[in-house]
Amino acid sequence: MRDLERFINDAELFAVDPLIKMALIHHQFESIHPFYDGNGRTGRIVNVLYLVKEGLLDIPVLYLSSHIVRTKADYYRLLQAVRVDDGWEDWVLYMLDAVEQTAVQTIATIQAIKAALLDYKHRIRAGYKFYSQDLINNLFMHPYTKIEFVQRDLQVSRITATKYLDALAEGGFVQKQKMGRGNYYVNVALNAILMGNAGQKA
């Protein structure tokens, strides 16, 4: 692990494109297998953090997990081919393809979320006197919101927050769901994007 840490952080050890180096780092981490459980998840997080470190990502939003899960047989076959046959080229190409496909899907998801946000913004502004940008931000911060979140973000009373969310539920913007003693208000458009995206990746 100490050698891998040095390899990750010392650019002079191996001057190569960061995406190629990421593929090498991932293989080495998975081969070391330092933890009893969670090595795959940790290795994929290391991928993202390395790309952030190298300036290829501003924020950690490129998750290769879905691609790897979808192509699990190839992933394990190519991992083993490096160990047995020194098959680095095919491994690196696999990882580069994973980055490309994930990046394309991530951009499409972000664009869909942006379009949904603008749609909500225009329709809520046109139809509800309580429209505010803070409300839109609240609705798109997570796939769901709660009365307490609206109270906090809009600085309104619980009664007012409940009234806003119930009106949006009647308008089809959110779906009210009872869970335990409270209500969750699921953003219909955002949830559909995220669930549809998950369905495509399954």
N, C-alpha and C. Protein backbone atom coordinates (compact mmCIF):
# COMPACT_ATOMS: atom_id res chain seq x y z
N MET A 1 0.84 -1.21 0.00
CA MET A 1 0.00 0.00 0.00
C MET A 1 0.87 1.25 0.00
N ARG A 2 2.00 1.19 0.72
CA ARG A 2 2.88 2.36 0.74
C ARG A 2 3.42 2.66 -0.67
N ASP A 3 3.79 1.61 -1.39
CA ASP A 3 4.28 1.80 -2.76
C ASP A 3 3.18 2.35 -3.66
N LEU A 4 1.96 1.85 -3.48
CA LEU A 4 0.84 2.34 -4.29
C LEU A 4 0.56 3.81 -3.98
N GLU A 5 0.60 4.16 -2.72
CA GLU A 5 0.37 5.55 -2.33
C GLU A 5 1.41 6.46 -2.99
N ARG A 6 2.66 6.00 -3.00
CA ARG A 6 3.72 6.80 -3.64
C ARG A 6 3.47 6.90 -5.14
N PHE A 7 3.05 5.80 -5.76
CA PHE A 7 2.75 5.78 -7.19
C PHE A 7 1.63 6.76 -7.53
N ILE A 8 0.63 6.83 -6.66
CA ILE A 8 -0.50 7.74 -6.88
C ILE A 8 -0.06 9.20 -6.78
N ASN A 9 0.78 9.50 -5.83
CA ASN A 9 1.07 10.90 -5.50
C ASN A 9 2.34 11.46 -6.13
N ASP A 10 3.23 10.59 -6.59
CA ASP A 10 4.49 11.06 -7.18
C ASP A 10 4.40 10.95 -8.70
N ALA A 11 4.13 12.08 -9.35
CA ALA A 11 3.93 12.09 -10.81
C ALA A 11 5.19 11.70 -11.55
N GLU A 12 6.34 11.91 -10.97
CA GLU A 12 7.61 11.62 -11.66
C GLU A 12 7.90 10.13 -11.74
N LEU A 13 7.25 9.34 -10.91
CA LEU A 13 7.48 7.89 -10.95
C LEU A 13 7.04 7.27 -12.27
N PHE A 14 5.94 7.79 -12.81
CA PHE A 14 5.39 7.23 -14.06
C PHE A 14 4.59 8.31 -14.75
N ALA A 15 5.24 9.01 -15.66
CA ALA A 15 4.60 10.15 -16.34
C ALA A 15 3.74 9.63 -17.49
N VAL A 16 2.45 9.58 -17.26
CA VAL A 16 1.51 9.06 -18.25
C VAL A 16 0.18 9.77 -18.08
N ASP A 17 -0.68 9.70 -19.09
CA ASP A 17 -2.00 10.31 -18.99
C ASP A 17 -2.72 9.82 -17.73
N PRO A 18 -3.35 10.75 -16.99
CA PRO A 18 -4.01 10.37 -15.73
C PRO A 18 -5.06 9.27 -15.87
N LEU A 19 -5.75 9.20 -17.00
CA LEU A 19 -6.76 8.15 -17.17
C LEU A 19 -6.11 6.77 -17.25
N ILE A 20 -4.96 6.70 -17.91
CA ILE A 20 -4.23 5.43 -17.97
C ILE A 20 -3.70 5.07 -16.58
N LYS A 21 -3.17 6.08 -15.90
CA LYS A 21 -2.63 5.82 -14.56
C LYS A 21 -3.75 5.40 -13.60
N MET A 22 -4.93 5.98 -13.76
CA MET A 22 -6.06 5.58 -12.94
C MET A 22 -6.36 4.09 -13.11
N ALA A 23 -6.30 3.61 -14.36
CA ALA A 23 -6.55 2.19 -14.62
C ALA A 23 -5.52 1.32 -13.92
N LEU A 24 -4.26 1.75 -13.94
CA LEU A 24 -3.20 0.99 -13.28
C LEU A 24 -3.38 1.00 -11.77
N ILE A 25 -3.73 2.18 -11.23
CA ILE A 25 -3.95 2.31 -9.79
C ILE A 25 -5.08 1.39 -9.35
N HIS A 26 -6.17 1.38 -10.13
CA HIS A 26 -7.32 0.56 -9.75
C HIS A 26 -6.94 -0.92 -9.71
N HIS A 27 -6.23 -1.36 -10.73
CA HIS A 27 -5.82 -2.76 -10.75
C HIS A 27 -4.94 -3.10 -9.55
N GLN A 28 -4.00 -2.25 -9.27
CA GLN A 28 -3.09 -2.52 -8.16
C GLN A 28 -3.83 -2.55 -6.83
N PHE A 29 -4.76 -1.61 -6.65
CA PHE A 29 -5.52 -1.58 -5.40
C PHE A 29 -6.33 -2.87 -5.23
N GLU A 30 -7.00 -3.28 -6.31
CA GLU A 30 -7.82 -4.49 -6.23
C GLU A 30 -6.96 -5.73 -6.03
N SER A 31 -5.74 -5.71 -6.53
CA SER A 31 -4.84 -6.86 -6.36
C SER A 31 -4.30 -6.93 -4.93
N ILE A 32 -4.03 -5.78 -4.35
CA ILE A 32 -3.58 -5.73 -2.96
C ILE A 32 -4.71 -6.18 -2.04
N HIS A 33 -5.92 -5.76 -2.36
CA HIS A 33 -7.13 -6.18 -1.61
C HIS A 33 -6.92 -5.94 -0.11
N PRO A 34 -6.74 -4.68 0.28
CA PRO A 34 -6.29 -4.41 1.65
C PRO A 34 -7.34 -4.61 2.75
N PHE A 35 -8.63 -4.65 2.38
CA PHE A 35 -9.67 -4.73 3.39
C PHE A 35 -10.40 -6.06 3.33
N TYR A 36 -11.01 -6.44 4.44
CA TYR A 36 -11.79 -7.67 4.50
C TYR A 36 -13.00 -7.58 3.58
N ASP A 37 -13.61 -6.39 3.52
CA ASP A 37 -14.80 -6.19 2.69
C ASP A 37 -14.77 -4.77 2.13
N GLY A 38 -15.43 -4.55 1.00
CA GLY A 38 -15.57 -3.21 0.44
C GLY A 38 -14.43 -2.75 -0.44
N ASN A 39 -13.56 -3.67 -0.88
CA ASN A 39 -12.43 -3.26 -1.72
C ASN A 39 -12.88 -2.72 -3.07
N GLY A 40 -13.92 -3.33 -3.66
CA GLY A 40 -14.41 -2.85 -4.96
C GLY A 40 -14.92 -1.43 -4.87
N ARG A 41 -15.79 -1.19 -3.87
CA ARG A 41 -16.35 0.16 -3.71
C ARG A 41 -15.26 1.17 -3.41
N THR A 42 -14.33 0.78 -2.54
CA THR A 42 -13.25 1.70 -2.18
C THR A 42 -12.37 1.99 -3.40
N GLY A 43 -12.08 0.95 -4.17
CA GLY A 43 -11.27 1.14 -5.38
C GLY A 43 -11.92 2.08 -6.37
N ARG A 44 -13.24 2.01 -6.49
CA ARG A 44 -13.93 2.91 -7.43
C ARG A 44 -13.96 4.34 -6.90
N ILE A 45 -14.00 4.50 -5.58
CA ILE A 45 -13.90 5.84 -5.01
C ILE A 45 -12.51 6.41 -5.23
N VAL A 46 -11.50 5.56 -5.09
CA VAL A 46 -10.12 6.00 -5.35
C VAL A 46 -9.99 6.50 -6.80
N ASN A 47 -10.65 5.81 -7.74
CA ASN A 47 -10.64 6.27 -9.14
C ASN A 47 -11.07 7.73 -9.24
N VAL A 48 -12.22 8.01 -8.65
CA VAL A 48 -12.80 9.36 -8.76
C VAL A 48 -11.91 10.38 -8.06
N LEU A 49 -11.44 10.05 -6.88
CA LEU A 49 -10.62 10.99 -6.13
C LEU A 49 -9.30 11.27 -6.85
N TYR A 50 -8.76 10.26 -7.51
CA TYR A 50 -7.53 10.47 -8.28
C TYR A 50 -7.79 11.43 -9.44
N LEU A 51 -8.91 11.29 -10.13
CA LEU A 51 -9.23 12.18 -11.24
C LEU A 51 -9.46 13.61 -10.76
N VAL A 52 -10.04 13.76 -9.57
CA VAL A 52 -10.18 15.09 -8.97
C VAL A 52 -8.80 15.65 -8.65
N LYS A 53 -7.96 14.85 -8.06
CA LYS A 53 -6.59 15.26 -7.71
C LYS A 53 -5.84 15.74 -8.95
N GLU A 54 -6.05 15.05 -10.06
CA GLU A 54 -5.33 15.39 -11.29
C GLU A 54 -6.00 16.50 -12.10
N GLY A 55 -7.12 17.02 -11.61
CA GLY A 55 -7.77 18.14 -12.28
C GLY A 55 -8.67 17.75 -13.44
N LEU A 56 -8.94 16.46 -13.62
CA LEU A 56 -9.85 16.04 -14.69
C LEU A 56 -11.31 16.19 -14.30
N LEU A 57 -11.57 16.22 -13.00
CA LEU A 57 -12.91 16.47 -12.48
C LEU A 57 -12.83 17.60 -11.47
N ASP A 58 -13.83 18.48 -11.49
CA ASP A 58 -13.91 19.52 -10.46
C ASP A 58 -14.52 18.98 -9.19
N ILE A 59 -15.50 18.10 -9.34
CA ILE A 59 -16.16 17.47 -8.20
C ILE A 59 -16.30 15.98 -8.52
N PRO A 60 -16.40 15.13 -7.49
CA PRO A 60 -16.43 13.68 -7.73
C PRO A 60 -17.79 13.19 -8.23
N VAL A 61 -18.02 13.29 -9.54
CA VAL A 61 -19.34 12.91 -10.09
C VAL A 61 -19.26 11.81 -11.14
N LEU A 62 -18.12 11.17 -11.29
CA LEU A 62 -17.98 10.14 -12.32
C LEU A 62 -17.83 8.78 -11.64
N TYR A 63 -18.93 8.06 -11.49
CA TYR A 63 -18.92 6.80 -10.76
C TYR A 63 -18.97 5.63 -11.76
N LEU A 64 -17.94 4.81 -11.74
CA LEU A 64 -17.83 3.72 -12.70
C LEU A 64 -18.55 2.46 -12.25
N SER A 65 -19.15 2.50 -11.07
CA SER A 65 -19.75 1.28 -10.50
C SER A 65 -20.76 0.63 -11.42
N SER A 66 -21.66 1.41 -12.00
CA SER A 66 -22.72 0.82 -12.82
C SER A 66 -22.15 0.12 -14.04
N HIS A 67 -21.14 0.73 -14.66
CA HIS A 67 -20.51 0.09 -15.84
C HIS A 67 -19.83 -1.20 -15.43
N ILE A 68 -19.11 -1.17 -14.33
CA ILE A 68 -18.38 -2.36 -13.88
C ILE A 68 -19.36 -3.47 -13.51
N VAL A 69 -20.45 -3.12 -12.82
CA VAL A 69 -21.45 -4.13 -12.46
C VAL A 69 -22.08 -4.73 -13.72
N ARG A 70 -22.36 -3.86 -14.69
CA ARG A 70 -23.00 -4.32 -15.92
C ARG A 70 -22.08 -5.23 -16.74
N THR A 71 -20.76 -5.01 -16.63
CA THR A 71 -19.79 -5.79 -17.41
C THR A 71 -18.89 -6.59 -16.46
N LYS A 72 -19.48 -7.09 -15.41
CA LYS A 72 -18.71 -7.74 -14.34
C LYS A 72 -17.84 -8.88 -14.85
N ALA A 73 -18.36 -9.67 -15.77
CA ALA A 73 -17.58 -10.82 -16.28
C ALA A 73 -16.30 -10.33 -16.96
N ASP A 74 -16.43 -9.30 -17.80
CA ASP A 74 -15.24 -8.74 -18.47
C ASP A 74 -14.28 -8.14 -17.45
N TYR A 75 -14.85 -7.44 -16.47
CA TYR A 75 -14.02 -6.79 -15.44
C TYR A 75 -13.13 -7.81 -14.75
N TYR A 76 -13.69 -8.90 -14.26
CA TYR A 76 -12.90 -9.90 -13.54
C TYR A 76 -11.98 -10.67 -14.48
N ARG A 77 -12.44 -10.92 -15.69
CA ARG A 77 -11.60 -11.64 -16.66
C ARG A 77 -10.35 -10.82 -16.97
N LEU A 78 -10.53 -9.51 -17.18
CA LEU A 78 -9.40 -8.67 -17.54
C LEU A 78 -8.48 -8.40 -16.35
N LEU A 79 -9.06 -8.30 -15.15
CA LEU A 79 -8.23 -8.20 -13.95
C LEU A 79 -7.30 -9.41 -13.87
N GLN A 80 -7.86 -10.59 -14.08
CA GLN A 80 -7.08 -11.82 -13.97
C GLN A 80 -6.08 -11.94 -15.12
N ALA A 81 -6.45 -11.46 -16.31
CA ALA A 81 -5.55 -11.55 -17.46
C ALA A 81 -4.27 -10.75 -17.24
N VAL A 82 -4.37 -9.66 -16.50
CA VAL A 82 -3.17 -8.89 -16.18
C VAL A 82 -2.27 -9.72 -15.27
N ARG A 83 -2.85 -10.36 -14.28
CA ARG A 83 -2.06 -11.16 -13.33
C ARG A 83 -1.42 -12.37 -14.00
N VAL A 84 -2.16 -13.00 -14.91
CA VAL A 84 -1.69 -14.26 -15.50
C VAL A 84 -0.87 -14.02 -16.77
N ASP A 85 -1.36 -13.12 -17.65
CA ASP A 85 -0.75 -12.96 -18.97
C ASP A 85 -0.16 -11.57 -19.21
N ASP A 86 -0.12 -10.75 -18.14
CA ASP A 86 0.41 -9.39 -18.29
C ASP A 86 -0.40 -8.58 -19.32
N GLY A 87 -1.73 -8.82 -19.32
CA GLY A 87 -2.59 -8.21 -20.34
C GLY A 87 -3.02 -6.79 -20.01
N TRP A 88 -2.06 -5.91 -19.86
CA TRP A 88 -2.36 -4.54 -19.44
C TRP A 88 -3.14 -3.74 -20.47
N GLU A 89 -2.83 -3.95 -21.74
CA GLU A 89 -3.46 -3.12 -22.78
C GLU A 89 -4.98 -3.29 -22.78
N ASP A 90 -5.45 -4.53 -22.75
CA ASP A 90 -6.90 -4.76 -22.75
C ASP A 90 -7.54 -4.21 -21.49
N TRP A 91 -6.84 -4.32 -20.36
CA TRP A 91 -7.36 -3.78 -19.11
C TRP A 91 -7.51 -2.26 -19.18
N VAL A 92 -6.49 -1.60 -19.68
CA VAL A 92 -6.54 -0.13 -19.77
C VAL A 92 -7.64 0.30 -20.72
N LEU A 93 -7.77 -0.39 -21.85
CA LEU A 93 -8.82 -0.05 -22.81
C LEU A 93 -10.21 -0.25 -22.20
N TYR A 94 -10.37 -1.29 -21.42
CA TYR A 94 -11.64 -1.53 -20.73
C TYR A 94 -11.96 -0.36 -19.80
N MET A 95 -10.99 0.08 -19.02
CA MET A 95 -11.22 1.17 -18.08
C MET A 95 -11.47 2.49 -18.80
N LEU A 96 -10.78 2.73 -19.90
CA LEU A 96 -11.02 3.95 -20.67
C LEU A 96 -12.43 3.96 -21.26
N ASP A 97 -12.87 2.80 -21.73
CA ASP A 97 -14.24 2.68 -22.24
C ASP A 97 -15.25 2.92 -21.12
N ALA A 98 -14.96 2.42 -19.92
CA ALA A 98 -15.84 2.63 -18.77
C ALA A 98 -15.96 4.12 -18.46
N VAL A 99 -14.86 4.83 -18.50
CA VAL A 99 -14.87 6.27 -18.25
C VAL A 99 -15.69 6.99 -19.32
N GLU A 100 -15.48 6.63 -20.58
CA GLU A 100 -16.20 7.30 -21.68
C GLU A 100 -17.70 7.08 -21.56
N GLN A 101 -18.12 5.84 -21.39
CA GLN A 101 -19.55 5.54 -21.33
C GLN A 101 -20.20 6.18 -20.10
N THR A 102 -19.49 6.15 -18.98
CA THR A 102 -20.03 6.75 -17.76
C THR A 102 -20.14 8.25 -17.90
N ALA A 103 -19.14 8.87 -18.53
CA ALA A 103 -19.16 10.33 -18.73
C ALA A 103 -20.33 10.74 -19.62
N VAL A 104 -20.56 10.01 -20.69
CA VAL A 104 -21.67 10.31 -21.60
C VAL A 104 -23.01 10.20 -20.86
N GLN A 105 -23.17 9.12 -20.08
CA GLN A 105 -24.42 8.92 -19.33
C GLN A 105 -24.60 9.99 -18.26
N THR A 106 -23.52 10.36 -17.60
CA THR A 106 -23.58 11.38 -16.55
C THR A 106 -23.99 12.73 -17.13
N ILE A 107 -23.42 13.09 -18.26
CA ILE A 107 -23.77 14.36 -18.91
C ILE A 107 -25.25 14.35 -19.30
N ALA A 108 -25.72 13.23 -19.85
CA ALA A 108 -27.13 13.14 -20.24
C ALA A 108 -28.04 13.28 -19.02
N THR A 109 -27.66 12.68 -17.91
CA THR A 109 -28.44 12.78 -16.69
C THR A 109 -28.48 14.21 -16.17
N ILE A 110 -27.34 14.86 -16.18
CA ILE A 110 -27.27 16.25 -15.71
C ILE A 110 -28.14 17.16 -16.59
N GLN A 111 -28.09 16.94 -17.90
CA GLN A 111 -28.90 17.76 -18.82
C GLN A 111 -30.39 17.52 -18.58
N ALA A 112 -30.76 16.27 -18.32
CA ALA A 112 -32.17 15.96 -18.05
C ALA A 112 -32.63 16.62 -16.76
N ILE A 113 -31.78 16.59 -15.74
CA ILE A 113 -32.12 17.24 -14.46
C ILE A 113 -32.25 18.74 -14.65
N LYS A 114 -31.36 19.33 -15.41
CA LYS A 114 -31.43 20.77 -15.67
C LYS A 114 -32.73 21.14 -16.38
N ALA A 115 -33.10 20.32 -17.37
CA ALA A 115 -34.35 20.58 -18.11
C ALA A 115 -35.56 20.44 -17.18
N ALA A 116 -35.56 19.45 -16.31
CA ALA A 116 -36.67 19.26 -15.36
C ALA A 116 -36.74 20.42 -14.39
N LEU A 117 -35.60 20.88 -13.91
CA LEU A 117 -35.57 22.01 -12.99
C LEU A 117 -36.17 23.26 -13.64
N LEU A 118 -35.79 23.54 -14.88
CA LEU A 118 -36.33 24.71 -15.58
C LEU A 118 -37.82 24.58 -15.83
N ASP A 119 -38.27 23.35 -16.15
CA ASP A 119 -39.69 23.11 -16.35
C ASP A 119 -40.47 23.39 -15.06
N TYR A 120 -39.99 22.86 -13.94
CA TYR A 120 -40.64 23.11 -12.65
C TYR A 120 -40.64 24.60 -12.34
N LYS A 121 -39.51 25.23 -12.58
CA LYS A 121 -39.38 26.65 -12.28
C LYS A 121 -40.44 27.46 -13.03
N HIS A 122 -40.59 27.23 -14.32
CA HIS A 122 -41.54 28.00 -15.13
C HIS A 122 -42.99 27.69 -14.74
N ARG A 123 -43.30 26.41 -14.54
CA ARG A 123 -44.68 26.04 -14.24
C ARG A 123 -45.10 26.45 -12.83
N ILE A 124 -44.20 26.32 -11.87
CA ILE A 124 -44.54 26.73 -10.51
C ILE A 124 -44.64 28.25 -10.42
N ARG A 125 -43.75 28.95 -11.10
CA ARG A 125 -43.81 30.42 -11.09
C ARG A 125 -45.11 30.91 -11.73
N ALA A 126 -45.56 30.21 -12.77
CA ALA A 126 -46.79 30.62 -13.46
C ALA A 126 -48.04 30.29 -12.66
N GLY A 127 -47.98 29.22 -11.85
CA GLY A 127 -49.22 28.76 -11.23
C GLY A 127 -49.35 28.93 -9.73
N TYR A 128 -48.28 29.36 -9.06
CA TYR A 128 -48.34 29.42 -7.60
C TYR A 128 -47.71 30.71 -7.08
N LYS A 129 -48.43 31.42 -6.25
CA LYS A 129 -47.95 32.69 -5.72
C LYS A 129 -46.74 32.52 -4.81
N PHE A 130 -46.58 31.32 -4.25
CA PHE A 130 -45.49 31.11 -3.30
C PHE A 130 -44.17 30.71 -3.99
N TYR A 131 -44.12 30.80 -5.32
CA TYR A 131 -42.89 30.46 -6.03
C TYR A 131 -41.71 31.25 -5.49
N SER A 132 -40.56 30.58 -5.37
CA SER A 132 -39.29 31.25 -5.09
C SER A 132 -38.16 30.36 -5.59
N GLN A 133 -37.01 30.97 -5.86
CA GLN A 133 -35.86 30.18 -6.28
C GLN A 133 -35.41 29.24 -5.16
N ASP A 134 -35.57 29.68 -3.93
CA ASP A 134 -35.22 28.82 -2.79
C ASP A 134 -36.06 27.56 -2.78
N LEU A 135 -37.33 27.68 -3.17
CA LEU A 135 -38.20 26.51 -3.23
C LEU A 135 -37.72 25.54 -4.31
N ILE A 136 -37.39 26.07 -5.49
CA ILE A 136 -36.89 25.22 -6.58
C ILE A 136 -35.61 24.51 -6.16
N ASN A 137 -34.71 25.27 -5.52
CA ASN A 137 -33.46 24.67 -5.05
C ASN A 137 -33.74 23.54 -4.06
N ASN A 138 -34.71 23.76 -3.20
CA ASN A 138 -35.08 22.76 -2.21
C ASN A 138 -35.60 21.49 -2.89
N LEU A 139 -36.44 21.66 -3.88
CA LEU A 139 -37.05 20.51 -4.56
C LEU A 139 -36.02 19.67 -5.31
N PHE A 140 -34.92 20.32 -5.75
CA PHE A 140 -33.94 19.60 -6.56
C PHE A 140 -32.64 19.31 -5.81
N MET A 141 -32.61 19.60 -4.52
CA MET A 141 -31.42 19.29 -3.73
C MET A 141 -31.26 17.79 -3.56
N HIS A 142 -32.39 17.09 -3.40
CA HIS A 142 -32.44 15.64 -3.23
C HIS A 142 -33.67 15.13 -3.99
N PRO A 143 -33.79 13.81 -4.18
CA PRO A 143 -34.98 13.29 -4.86
C PRO A 143 -36.28 13.50 -4.09
N TYR A 144 -36.18 13.87 -2.82
CA TYR A 144 -37.37 14.14 -2.03
C TYR A 144 -37.09 15.31 -1.10
N THR A 145 -38.17 15.90 -0.57
CA THR A 145 -38.03 16.92 0.46
C THR A 145 -39.00 16.60 1.58
N LYS A 146 -38.90 17.37 2.64
CA LYS A 146 -39.77 17.19 3.80
C LYS A 146 -40.22 18.57 4.28
N ILE A 147 -41.26 18.57 5.08
CA ILE A 147 -41.78 19.83 5.62
C ILE A 147 -40.67 20.58 6.34
N GLU A 148 -39.88 19.86 7.13
CA GLU A 148 -38.81 20.48 7.89
C GLU A 148 -37.78 21.15 6.98
N PHE A 149 -37.49 20.53 5.84
CA PHE A 149 -36.51 21.09 4.92
C PHE A 149 -37.01 22.40 4.31
N VAL A 150 -38.31 22.43 3.96
CA VAL A 150 -38.90 23.64 3.39
C VAL A 150 -38.95 24.75 4.45
N GLN A 151 -39.30 24.39 5.66
CA GLN A 151 -39.27 25.37 6.76
C GLN A 151 -37.90 26.02 6.86
N ARG A 152 -36.88 25.19 6.88
CA ARG A 152 -35.51 25.67 7.05
C ARG A 152 -35.06 26.53 5.87
N ASP A 153 -35.28 26.05 4.65
CA ASP A 153 -34.73 26.73 3.48
C ASP A 153 -35.51 27.99 3.10
N LEU A 154 -36.83 27.98 3.35
CA LEU A 154 -37.64 29.14 2.97
C LEU A 154 -37.95 30.05 4.14
N GLN A 155 -37.55 29.62 5.35
CA GLN A 155 -37.79 30.42 6.55
C GLN A 155 -39.29 30.71 6.72
N VAL A 156 -40.08 29.62 6.67
CA VAL A 156 -41.52 29.75 6.84
C VAL A 156 -41.96 28.82 7.98
N SER A 157 -43.19 28.99 8.41
CA SER A 157 -43.73 28.15 9.48
C SER A 157 -44.02 26.75 8.96
N ARG A 158 -44.23 25.83 9.88
CA ARG A 158 -44.55 24.46 9.51
C ARG A 158 -45.87 24.41 8.75
N ILE A 159 -46.84 25.19 9.19
CA ILE A 159 -48.15 25.23 8.51
C ILE A 159 -47.99 25.70 7.08
N THR A 160 -47.20 26.75 6.89
CA THR A 160 -46.98 27.29 5.54
C THR A 160 -46.23 26.29 4.66
N ALA A 161 -45.20 25.67 5.22
CA ALA A 161 -44.44 24.68 4.45
C ALA A 161 -45.32 23.52 4.03
N THR A 162 -46.17 23.07 4.93
CA THR A 162 -47.10 21.97 4.62
C THR A 162 -48.06 22.38 3.51
N LYS A 163 -48.55 23.62 3.60
CA LYS A 163 -49.48 24.11 2.58
C LYS A 163 -48.81 24.14 1.20
N TYR A 164 -47.57 24.62 1.15
CA TYR A 164 -46.83 24.67 -0.12
C TYR A 164 -46.67 23.26 -0.72
N LEU A 165 -46.22 22.34 0.10
CA LEU A 165 -45.93 21.00 -0.41
C LEU A 165 -47.19 20.25 -0.80
N ASP A 166 -48.25 20.42 -0.03
CA ASP A 166 -49.51 19.77 -0.39
C ASP A 166 -50.05 20.33 -1.71
N ALA A 167 -49.89 21.62 -1.92
CA ALA A 167 -50.33 22.23 -3.19
C ALA A 167 -49.51 21.67 -4.36
N LEU A 168 -48.22 21.52 -4.15
CA LEU A 168 -47.36 20.97 -5.21
C LEU A 168 -47.68 19.49 -5.46
N ALA A 169 -48.08 18.79 -4.41
CA ALA A 169 -48.49 17.39 -4.59
C ALA A 169 -49.77 17.32 -5.42
N GLU A 170 -50.72 18.20 -5.14
CA GLU A 170 -51.96 18.25 -5.93
C GLU A 170 -51.68 18.61 -7.37
N GLY A 171 -50.65 19.41 -7.59
CA GLY A 171 -50.28 19.81 -8.95
C GLY A 171 -49.45 18.79 -9.69
N GLY A 172 -49.07 17.71 -9.02
CA GLY A 172 -48.32 16.65 -9.68
C GLY A 172 -46.81 16.85 -9.71
N PHE A 173 -46.32 17.86 -9.00
CA PHE A 173 -44.88 18.12 -8.99
C PHE A 173 -44.16 17.16 -8.03
N VAL A 174 -44.80 16.87 -6.92
CA VAL A 174 -44.23 15.94 -5.94
C VAL A 174 -45.28 14.90 -5.58
N GLN A 175 -44.80 13.77 -5.10
CA GLN A 175 -45.70 12.71 -4.65
C GLN A 175 -45.56 12.58 -3.14
N LYS A 176 -46.67 12.74 -2.45
CA LYS A 176 -46.65 12.69 -0.99
C LYS A 176 -46.68 11.24 -0.54
N GLN A 177 -45.71 10.89 0.31
CA GLN A 177 -45.63 9.52 0.81
C GLN A 177 -45.48 9.54 2.33
N LYS A 178 -46.34 8.80 2.99
CA LYS A 178 -46.31 8.69 4.44
C LYS A 178 -45.27 7.65 4.83
N MET A 179 -44.33 8.05 5.68
CA MET A 179 -43.33 7.11 6.19
C MET A 179 -43.17 7.35 7.67
N GLY A 180 -43.52 6.36 8.45
CA GLY A 180 -43.48 6.53 9.90
C GLY A 180 -44.48 7.59 10.32
N ARG A 181 -43.99 8.55 11.09
CA ARG A 181 -44.87 9.62 11.58
C ARG A 181 -44.82 10.86 10.70
N GLY A 182 -44.01 10.83 9.66
CA GLY A 182 -43.87 12.02 8.83
C GLY A 182 -44.20 11.75 7.38
N ASN A 183 -44.16 12.82 6.59
CA ASN A 183 -44.41 12.73 5.15
C ASN A 183 -43.15 13.10 4.38
N TYR A 184 -42.94 12.35 3.30
CA TYR A 184 -41.88 12.68 2.35
C TYR A 184 -42.56 13.13 1.06
N TYR A 185 -41.97 14.11 0.41
CA TYR A 185 -42.52 14.62 -0.84
C TYR A 185 -41.49 14.36 -1.94
N VAL A 186 -41.77 13.32 -2.74
CA VAL A 186 -40.82 12.87 -3.75
C VAL A 186 -40.97 13.72 -5.01
N ASN A 187 -39.87 14.26 -5.49
CA ASN A 187 -39.85 15.04 -6.73
C ASN A 187 -40.11 14.07 -7.89
N VAL A 188 -41.26 14.19 -8.52
CA VAL A 188 -41.69 13.22 -9.53
C VAL A 188 -40.72 13.19 -10.72
N ALA A 189 -40.39 14.35 -11.25
CA ALA A 189 -39.52 14.40 -12.44
C ALA A 189 -38.11 13.94 -12.12
N LEU A 190 -37.56 14.43 -11.01
CA LEU A 190 -36.19 14.07 -10.65
C LEU A 190 -36.08 12.58 -10.35
N ASN A 191 -37.05 12.05 -9.64
CA ASN A 191 -37.04 10.62 -9.32
C ASN A 191 -37.13 9.77 -10.58
N ALA A 192 -37.95 10.21 -11.53
CA ALA A 192 -38.08 9.46 -12.79
C ALA A 192 -36.75 9.44 -13.55
N ILE A 193 -36.05 10.57 -13.55
CA ILE A 193 -34.75 10.63 -14.22
C ILE A 193 -33.77 9.68 -13.55
N LEU A 194 -33.69 9.75 -12.24
CA LEU A 194 -32.72 8.93 -11.51
C LEU A 194 -33.05 7.45 -11.59
N MET A 195 -34.34 7.12 -11.49
CA MET A 195 -34.74 5.71 -11.57
C MET A 195 -34.61 5.18 -12.99
N GLY A 196 -34.94 6.01 -13.97
CA GLY A 196 -34.77 5.60 -15.36
C GLY A 196 -33.33 5.38 -15.68
N ASN A 197 -32.47 6.25 -15.15
CA ASN A 197 -31.04 6.12 -15.35
C ASN A 197 -30.53 4.85 -14.71
N ALA A 198 -31.02 4.54 -13.50
CA ALA A 198 -30.63 3.31 -12.82
C ALA A 198 -31.09 2.10 -13.62
N GLY A 199 -32.30 2.22 -14.19
CA GLY A 199 -32.81 1.11 -14.99
C GLY A 199 -31.97 0.84 -16.22
N GLN A 200 -31.46 1.92 -16.85
CA GLN A 200 -30.62 1.73 -18.01
C GLN A 200 -29.30 1.07 -17.65
N LYS A 201 -28.85 1.31 -16.40
CA LYS A 201 -27.55 0.79 -16.02
C LYS A 201 -27.61 -0.61 -15.44
N ALA A 202 -28.80 -1.07 -15.11
CA ALA A 202 -28.90 -2.37 -14.45
C ALA A 202 -28.47 -3.49 -15.38
